[in-house]
Amino acid sequence: MYLVTVIQPATHLYSMSHSIIRAVYLLMC
């Protein structure tokens, strides 16, 4: 139960940062 509450925001943050990194990568190229 505790793991889910920790993993849920973590995966959300990861996907958010991943899209941001990809956008920055596209802008740099």
Protein backbone atom coordinates (compact mmCIF):
# COMPACT_ATOMS: atom_id res chain seq x y z
CA MET A 1 0.00 0.00 0.00
CA TYR A 2 2.78 2.41 0.98
CA LEU A 3 4.83 1.50 -2.08
CA VAL A 4 1.99 2.47 -4.42
CA THR A 5 1.70 5.94 -2.90
CA VAL A 6 5.44 6.40 -3.37
CA ILE A 7 5.71 4.92 -6.87
CA GLN A 8 2.66 6.71 -8.30
CA PRO A 9 4.08 10.28 -8.00
CA ALA A 10 7.54 8.99 -8.92
CA THR A 11 6.36 7.58 -12.25
CA HIS A 12 4.41 10.78 -12.92
CA LEU A 13 7.50 12.86 -12.24
CA TYR A 14 9.61 10.60 -14.43
CA SER A 15 7.26 10.83 -17.41
CA MET A 16 7.03 14.59 -16.95
CA SER A 17 10.80 15.07 -16.78
CA HIS A 18 11.24 12.66 -19.68
CA SER A 19 9.00 14.75 -21.93
CA ILE A 20 10.78 17.93 -20.81
CA ILE A 21 14.20 16.41 -21.53
CA ARG A 22 13.00 15.28 -24.96
CA ALA A 23 11.68 18.77 -25.72
CA VAL A 24 15.00 20.33 -24.67
CA TYR A 25 16.88 17.75 -26.72
CA LEU A 26 14.81 18.60 -29.79
CA LEU A 27 15.39 22.31 -29.27
CA MET A 28 19.15 21.84 -28.92
CA CYS A 29 19.49 19.85 -32.14
